[in-house]
Amino acid sequence: MLNLDTDEEQTYRIVGDDEADFKQNLISVNSPIARGLIGKEQDDVVTIRTPGGEVEYEITKVEYL
């Protein structure tokens, strides 16, 4: 996904709580980022609430593994 504020592209894999490791871009299904992404599709723009404030992302690719 593309951070629309910084133009930085980030890749995350949504996993169960016990597998989450943010340093490896494995985010919990219950995290704010994952909750904001679930059900969305490629090219959707989402606003995610983070501890640092709201951030807008464009979903650039969706893969189901």
PDB file of N, CA and C in Angstrom:
ATOM      1  N   MET A   1       0.829  -1.163   0.000  1.00  0.00           N
ATOM      2  CA  MET A   1       0.000   0.000   0.000  1.00  0.00           C
ATOM      3  C   MET A   1       0.876   1.229   0.000  1.00  0.00           C
ATOM      4  N   LEU A   2       0.335   2.316  -0.508  1.00  0.00           N
ATOM      5  CA  LEU A   2       1.079   3.554  -0.689  1.00  0.00           C
ATOM      6  C   LEU A   2       0.602   4.594   0.318  1.00  0.00           C
ATOM      7  N   ASN A   3       1.525   5.099   1.124  1.00  0.00           N
ATOM      8  CA  ASN A   3       1.215   6.175   2.059  1.00  0.00           C
ATOM      9  C   ASN A   3       1.074   7.447   1.238  1.00  0.00           C
ATOM     10  N   LEU A   4      -0.113   8.020   1.192  1.00  0.00           N
ATOM     11  CA  LEU A   4      -0.365   9.178   0.340  1.00  0.00           C
ATOM     12  C   LEU A   4       0.268  10.457   0.877  1.00  0.00           C
ATOM     13  N   ASP A   5       0.676  10.459   2.142  1.00  0.00           N
ATOM     14  CA  ASP A   5       1.344  11.631   2.709  1.00  0.00           C
ATOM     15  C   ASP A   5       2.833  11.653   2.369  1.00  0.00           C
ATOM     16  N   THR A   6       3.465  10.472   2.353  1.00  0.00           N
ATOM     17  CA  THR A   6       4.918  10.401   2.179  1.00  0.00           C
ATOM     18  C   THR A   6       5.339   9.762   0.863  1.00  0.00           C
ATOM     19  N   ASP A   7       4.394   9.197   0.109  1.00  0.00           N
ATOM     20  CA  ASP A   7       4.674   8.440  -1.120  1.00  0.00           C
ATOM     21  C   ASP A   7       5.535   7.205  -0.863  1.00  0.00           C
ATOM     22  N   GLU A   8       5.551   6.722   0.371  1.00  0.00           N
ATOM     23  CA  GLU A   8       6.270   5.502   0.718  1.00  0.00           C
ATOM     24  C   GLU A   8       5.359   4.307   0.504  1.00  0.00           C
ATOM     25  N   GLU A   9       5.912   3.268  -0.125  1.00  0.00           N
ATOM     26  CA  GLU A   9       5.129   2.047  -0.308  1.00  0.00           C
ATOM     27  C   GLU A   9       5.500   1.060   0.794  1.00  0.00           C
ATOM     28  N   GLN A  10       4.482   0.426   1.374  1.00  0.00           N
ATOM     29  CA  GLN A  10       4.676  -0.533   2.446  1.00  0.00           C
ATOM     30  C   GLN A  10       3.892  -1.791   2.119  1.00  0.00           C
ATOM     31  N   THR A  11       4.429  -2.922   2.553  1.00  0.00           N
ATOM     32  CA  THR A  11       3.761  -4.201   2.357  1.00  0.00           C
ATOM     33  C   THR A  11       3.527  -4.837   3.720  1.00  0.00           C
ATOM     34  N   TYR A  12       2.313  -5.281   3.958  1.00  0.00           N
ATOM     35  CA  TYR A  12       1.976  -5.958   5.202  1.00  0.00           C
ATOM     36  C   TYR A  12       1.285  -7.274   4.887  1.00  0.00           C
ATOM     37  N   ARG A  13       1.470  -8.238   5.775  1.00  0.00           N
ATOM     38  CA  ARG A  13       0.721  -9.492   5.715  1.00  0.00           C
ATOM     39  C   ARG A  13      -0.119  -9.550   6.985  1.00  0.00           C
ATOM     40  N   ILE A  14      -1.412  -9.775   6.811  1.00  0.00           N
ATOM     41  CA  ILE A  14      -2.323  -9.858   7.955  1.00  0.00           C
ATOM     42  C   ILE A  14      -2.316 -11.299   8.460  1.00  0.00           C
ATOM     43  N   VAL A  15      -2.002 -11.460   9.754  1.00  0.00           N
ATOM     44  CA  VAL A  15      -1.868 -12.786  10.358  1.00  0.00           C
ATOM     45  C   VAL A  15      -2.630 -12.823  11.682  1.00  0.00           C
ATOM     46  N   GLY A  16      -2.684 -14.003  12.285  1.00  0.00           N
ATOM     47  CA  GLY A  16      -3.300 -14.143  13.598  1.00  0.00           C
ATOM     48  C   GLY A  16      -2.490 -13.426  14.665  1.00  0.00           C
ATOM     49  N   ASP A  17      -3.117 -13.193  15.816  1.00  0.00           N
ATOM     50  CA  ASP A  17      -2.458 -12.463  16.905  1.00  0.00           C
ATOM     51  C   ASP A  17      -1.122 -13.085  17.304  1.00  0.00           C
ATOM     52  N   ASP A  18      -1.067 -14.415  17.364  1.00  0.00           N
ATOM     53  CA  ASP A  18       0.147 -15.087  17.834  1.00  0.00           C
ATOM     54  C   ASP A  18       1.288 -15.058  16.814  1.00  0.00           C
ATOM     55  N   GLU A  19       1.013 -14.725  15.563  1.00  0.00           N
ATOM     56  CA  GLU A  19       2.042 -14.671  14.522  1.00  0.00           C
ATOM     57  C   GLU A  19       2.534 -13.252  14.249  1.00  0.00           C
ATOM     58  N   ALA A  20       1.895 -12.266  14.817  1.00  0.00           N
ATOM     59  CA  ALA A  20       2.202 -10.869  14.507  1.00  0.00           C
ATOM     60  C   ALA A  20       3.634 -10.511  14.902  1.00  0.00           C
ATOM     61  N   ASP A  21       4.316  -9.817  14.000  1.00  0.00           N
ATOM     62  CA  ASP A  21       5.669  -9.302  14.231  1.00  0.00           C
ATOM     63  C   ASP A  21       5.839  -8.083  13.335  1.00  0.00           C
ATOM     64  N   PHE A  22       5.609  -6.903  13.898  1.00  0.00           N
ATOM     65  CA  PHE A  22       5.585  -5.681  13.094  1.00  0.00           C
ATOM     66  C   PHE A  22       6.909  -5.445  12.377  1.00  0.00           C
ATOM     67  N   LYS A  23       8.022  -5.850  12.980  1.00  0.00           N
ATOM     68  CA  LYS A  23       9.337  -5.663  12.349  1.00  0.00           C
ATOM     69  C   LYS A  23       9.452  -6.453  11.047  1.00  0.00           C
ATOM     70  N   GLN A  24       8.688  -7.539  10.940  1.00  0.00           N
ATOM     71  CA  GLN A  24       8.682  -8.352   9.722  1.00  0.00           C
ATOM     72  C   GLN A  24       7.457  -8.050   8.860  1.00  0.00           C
ATOM     73  N   ASN A  25       6.750  -6.971   9.172  1.00  0.00           N
ATOM     74  CA  ASN A  25       5.544  -6.546   8.447  1.00  0.00           C
ATOM     75  C   ASN A  25       4.408  -7.559   8.537  1.00  0.00           C
ATOM     76  N   LEU A  26       4.382  -8.328   9.612  1.00  0.00           N
ATOM     77  CA  LEU A  26       3.286  -9.254   9.891  1.00  0.00           C
ATOM     78  C   LEU A  26       2.402  -8.585  10.936  1.00  0.00           C
ATOM     79  N   ILE A  27       1.209  -8.166  10.519  1.00  0.00           N
ATOM     80  CA  ILE A  27       0.343  -7.424  11.437  1.00  0.00           C
ATOM     81  C   ILE A  27      -0.856  -8.267  11.856  1.00  0.00           C
ATOM     82  N   SER A  28      -1.241  -8.100  13.102  1.00  0.00           N
ATOM     83  CA  SER A  28      -2.366  -8.836  13.663  1.00  0.00           C
ATOM     84  C   SER A  28      -3.669  -8.449  12.975  1.00  0.00           C
ATOM     85  N   VAL A  29      -4.515  -9.428  12.793  1.00  0.00           N
ATOM     86  CA  VAL A  29      -5.836  -9.197  12.214  1.00  0.00           C
ATOM     87  C   VAL A  29      -6.625  -8.191  13.051  1.00  0.00           C
ATOM     88  N   ASN A  30      -6.255  -8.038  14.317  1.00  0.00           N
ATOM     89  CA  ASN A  30      -6.949  -7.114  15.216  1.00  0.00           C
ATOM     90  C   ASN A  30      -6.283  -5.745  15.315  1.00  0.00           C
ATOM     91  N   SER A  31      -5.219  -5.520  14.553  1.00  0.00           N
ATOM     92  CA  SER A  31      -4.523  -4.231  14.599  1.00  0.00           C
ATOM     93  C   SER A  31      -5.332  -3.168  13.859  1.00  0.00           C
ATOM     94  N   PRO A  32      -5.110  -1.898  14.191  1.00  0.00           N
ATOM     95  CA  PRO A  32      -5.832  -0.825  13.491  1.00  0.00           C
ATOM     96  C   PRO A  32      -5.602  -0.841  11.977  1.00  0.00           C
ATOM     97  N   ILE A  33      -4.386  -1.152  11.551  1.00  0.00           N
ATOM     98  CA  ILE A  33      -4.109  -1.189  10.109  1.00  0.00           C
ATOM     99  C   ILE A  33      -4.915  -2.295   9.448  1.00  0.00           C
ATOM    100  N   ALA A  34      -4.861  -3.498  10.009  1.00  0.00           N
ATOM    101  CA  ALA A  34      -5.587  -4.630   9.422  1.00  0.00           C
ATOM    102  C   ALA A  34      -7.090  -4.378   9.410  1.00  0.00           C
ATOM    103  N   ARG A  35      -7.620  -3.855  10.507  1.00  0.00           N
ATOM    104  CA  ARG A  35      -9.063  -3.582  10.557  1.00  0.00           C
ATOM    105  C   ARG A  35      -9.469  -2.584   9.482  1.00  0.00           C
ATOM    106  N   GLY A  36      -8.584  -1.643   9.171  1.00  0.00           N
ATOM    107  CA  GLY A  36      -8.879  -0.671   8.122  1.00  0.00           C
ATOM    108  C   GLY A  36      -8.767  -1.236   6.718  1.00  0.00           C
ATOM    109  N   LEU A  37      -8.031  -2.349   6.569  1.00  0.00           N
ATOM    110  CA  LEU A  37      -7.805  -2.926   5.245  1.00  0.00           C
ATOM    111  C   LEU A  37      -8.765  -4.060   4.894  1.00  0.00           C
ATOM    112  N   ILE A  38      -9.235  -4.779   5.890  1.00  0.00           N
ATOM    113  CA  ILE A  38     -10.073  -5.949   5.629  1.00  0.00           C
ATOM    114  C   ILE A  38     -11.330  -5.540   4.864  1.00  0.00           C
ATOM    115  N   GLY A  39     -11.581  -6.255   3.782  1.00  0.00           N
ATOM    116  CA  GLY A  39     -12.751  -5.987   2.950  1.00  0.00           C
ATOM    117  C   GLY A  39     -12.509  -4.967   1.859  1.00  0.00           C
ATOM    118  N   LYS A  40     -11.339  -4.373   1.846  1.00  0.00           N
ATOM    119  CA  LYS A  40     -11.020  -3.373   0.823  1.00  0.00           C
ATOM    120  C   LYS A  40     -10.374  -4.053  -0.378  1.00  0.00           C
ATOM    121  N   GLU A  41     -10.319  -3.327  -1.493  1.00  0.00           N
ATOM    122  CA  GLU A  41      -9.786  -3.881  -2.738  1.00  0.00           C
ATOM    123  C   GLU A  41      -8.679  -2.995  -3.280  1.00  0.00           C
ATOM    124  N   GLN A  42      -7.978  -3.526  -4.276  1.00  0.00           N
ATOM    125  CA  GLN A  42      -6.927  -2.764  -4.934  1.00  0.00           C
ATOM    126  C   GLN A  42      -7.476  -1.436  -5.442  1.00  0.00           C
ATOM    127  N   ASP A  43      -6.703  -0.382  -5.311  1.00  0.00           N
ATOM    128  CA  ASP A  43      -7.017   0.994  -5.716  1.00  0.00           C
ATOM    129  C   ASP A  43      -7.940   1.725  -4.745  1.00  0.00           C
ATOM    130  N   ASP A  44      -8.435   1.061  -3.695  1.00  0.00           N
ATOM    131  CA  ASP A  44      -9.210   1.760  -2.669  1.00  0.00           C
ATOM    132  C   ASP A  44      -8.282   2.671  -1.871  1.00  0.00           C
ATOM    133  N   VAL A  45      -8.806   3.787  -1.403  1.00  0.00           N
ATOM    134  CA  VAL A  45      -8.078   4.678  -0.497  1.00  0.00           C
ATOM    135  C   VAL A  45      -8.707   4.525   0.881  1.00  0.00           C
ATOM    136  N   VAL A  46      -7.859   4.270   1.884  1.00  0.00           N
ATOM    137  CA  VAL A  46      -8.342   4.064   3.247  1.00  0.00           C
ATOM    138  C   VAL A  46      -7.649   5.047   4.186  1.00  0.00           C
ATOM    139  N   THR A  47      -8.347   5.421   5.237  1.00  0.00           N
ATOM    140  CA  THR A  47      -7.767   6.255   6.284  1.00  0.00           C
ATOM    141  C   THR A  47      -7.594   5.383   7.513  1.00  0.00           C
ATOM    142  N   ILE A  48      -6.359   5.296   8.001  1.00  0.00           N
ATOM    143  CA  ILE A  48      -6.035   4.457   9.149  1.00  0.00           C
ATOM    144  C   ILE A  48      -5.674   5.361  10.321  1.00  0.00           C
ATOM    145  N   ARG A  49      -6.289   5.113  11.464  1.00  0.00           N
ATOM    146  CA  ARG A  49      -5.931   5.843  12.684  1.00  0.00           C
ATOM    147  C   ARG A  49      -4.730   5.153  13.314  1.00  0.00           C
ATOM    148  N   THR A  50      -3.661   5.903  13.492  1.00  0.00           N
ATOM    149  CA  THR A  50      -2.446   5.387  14.114  1.00  0.00           C
ATOM    150  C   THR A  50      -2.148   6.216  15.358  1.00  0.00           C
ATOM    151  N   PRO A  51      -1.225   5.760  16.204  1.00  0.00           N
ATOM    152  CA  PRO A  51      -0.870   6.562  17.379  1.00  0.00           C
ATOM    153  C   PRO A  51      -0.389   7.969  17.004  1.00  0.00           C
ATOM    154  N   GLY A  52       0.171   8.120  15.793  1.00  0.00           N
ATOM    155  CA  GLY A  52       0.651   9.423  15.355  1.00  0.00           C
ATOM    156  C   GLY A  52      -0.397  10.268  14.648  1.00  0.00           C
ATOM    157  N   GLY A  53      -1.612   9.753  14.519  1.00  0.00           N
ATOM    158  CA  GLY A  53      -2.681  10.471  13.824  1.00  0.00           C
ATOM    159  C   GLY A  53      -3.217   9.665  12.659  1.00  0.00           C
ATOM    160  N   GLU A  54      -4.092  10.264  11.875  1.00  0.00           N
ATOM    161  CA  GLU A  54      -4.694   9.573  10.739  1.00  0.00           C
ATOM    162  C   GLU A  54      -3.763   9.626   9.531  1.00  0.00           C
ATOM    163  N   VAL A  55      -3.685   8.488   8.820  1.00  0.00           N
ATOM    164  CA  VAL A  55      -2.843   8.383   7.632  1.00  0.00           C
ATOM    165  C   VAL A  55      -3.684   7.800   6.505  1.00  0.00           C
ATOM    166  N   GLU A  56      -3.584   8.376   5.313  1.00  0.00           N
ATOM    167  CA  GLU A  56      -4.299   7.858   4.145  1.00  0.00           C
ATOM    168  C   GLU A  56      -3.370   6.972   3.328  1.00  0.00           C
ATOM    169  N   TYR A  57      -3.898   5.819   2.934  1.00  0.00           N
ATOM    170  CA  TYR A  57      -3.166   4.868   2.112  1.00  0.00           C
ATOM    171  C   TYR A  57      -3.997   4.516   0.888  1.00  0.00           C
ATOM    172  N   GLU A  58      -3.328   4.269  -0.216  1.00  0.00           N
ATOM    173  CA  GLU A  58      -3.960   3.674  -1.386  1.00  0.00           C
ATOM    174  C   GLU A  58      -3.496   2.231  -1.449  1.00  0.00           C
ATOM    175  N   ILE A  59      -4.440   1.321  -1.593  1.00  0.00           N
ATOM    176  CA  ILE A  59      -4.100  -0.096  -1.682  1.00  0.00           C
ATOM    177  C   ILE A  59      -3.630  -0.368  -3.106  1.00  0.00           C
ATOM    178  N   THR A  60      -2.362  -0.736  -3.248  1.00  0.00           N
ATOM    179  CA  THR A  60      -1.776  -0.920  -4.574  1.00  0.00           C
ATOM    180  C   THR A  60      -1.822  -2.365  -5.043  1.00  0.00           C
ATOM    181  N   LYS A  61      -1.956  -3.301  -4.100  1.00  0.00           N
ATOM    182  CA  LYS A  61      -1.987  -4.716  -4.481  1.00  0.00           C
ATOM    183  C   LYS A  61      -2.594  -5.517  -3.339  1.00  0.00           C
ATOM    184  N   VAL A  62      -3.380  -6.526  -3.683  1.00  0.00           N
ATOM    185  CA  VAL A  62      -3.955  -7.434  -2.697  1.00  0.00           C
ATOM    186  C   VAL A  62      -3.620  -8.851  -3.134  1.00  0.00           C
ATOM    187  N   GLU A  63      -3.046  -9.632  -2.222  1.00  0.00           N
ATOM    188  CA  GLU A  63      -2.755 -11.041  -2.488  1.00  0.00           C
ATOM    189  C   GLU A  63      -3.386 -11.876  -1.387  1.00  0.00           C
ATOM    190  N   TYR A  64      -3.964 -12.977  -1.763  1.00  0.00           N
ATOM    191  CA  TYR A  64      -4.502 -13.928  -0.793  1.00  0.00           C
ATOM    192  C   TYR A  64      -3.598 -15.146  -0.808  1.00  0.00           C
ATOM    193  N   LEU A  65      -2.967 -15.426   0.336  1.00  0.00           N
ATOM    194  CA  LEU A  65      -2.021 -16.545   0.420  1.00  0.00           C
ATOM    195  C   LEU A  65      -2.624 -17.714   1.135  1.00  0.00           C
TER     196      LEU A  65
END
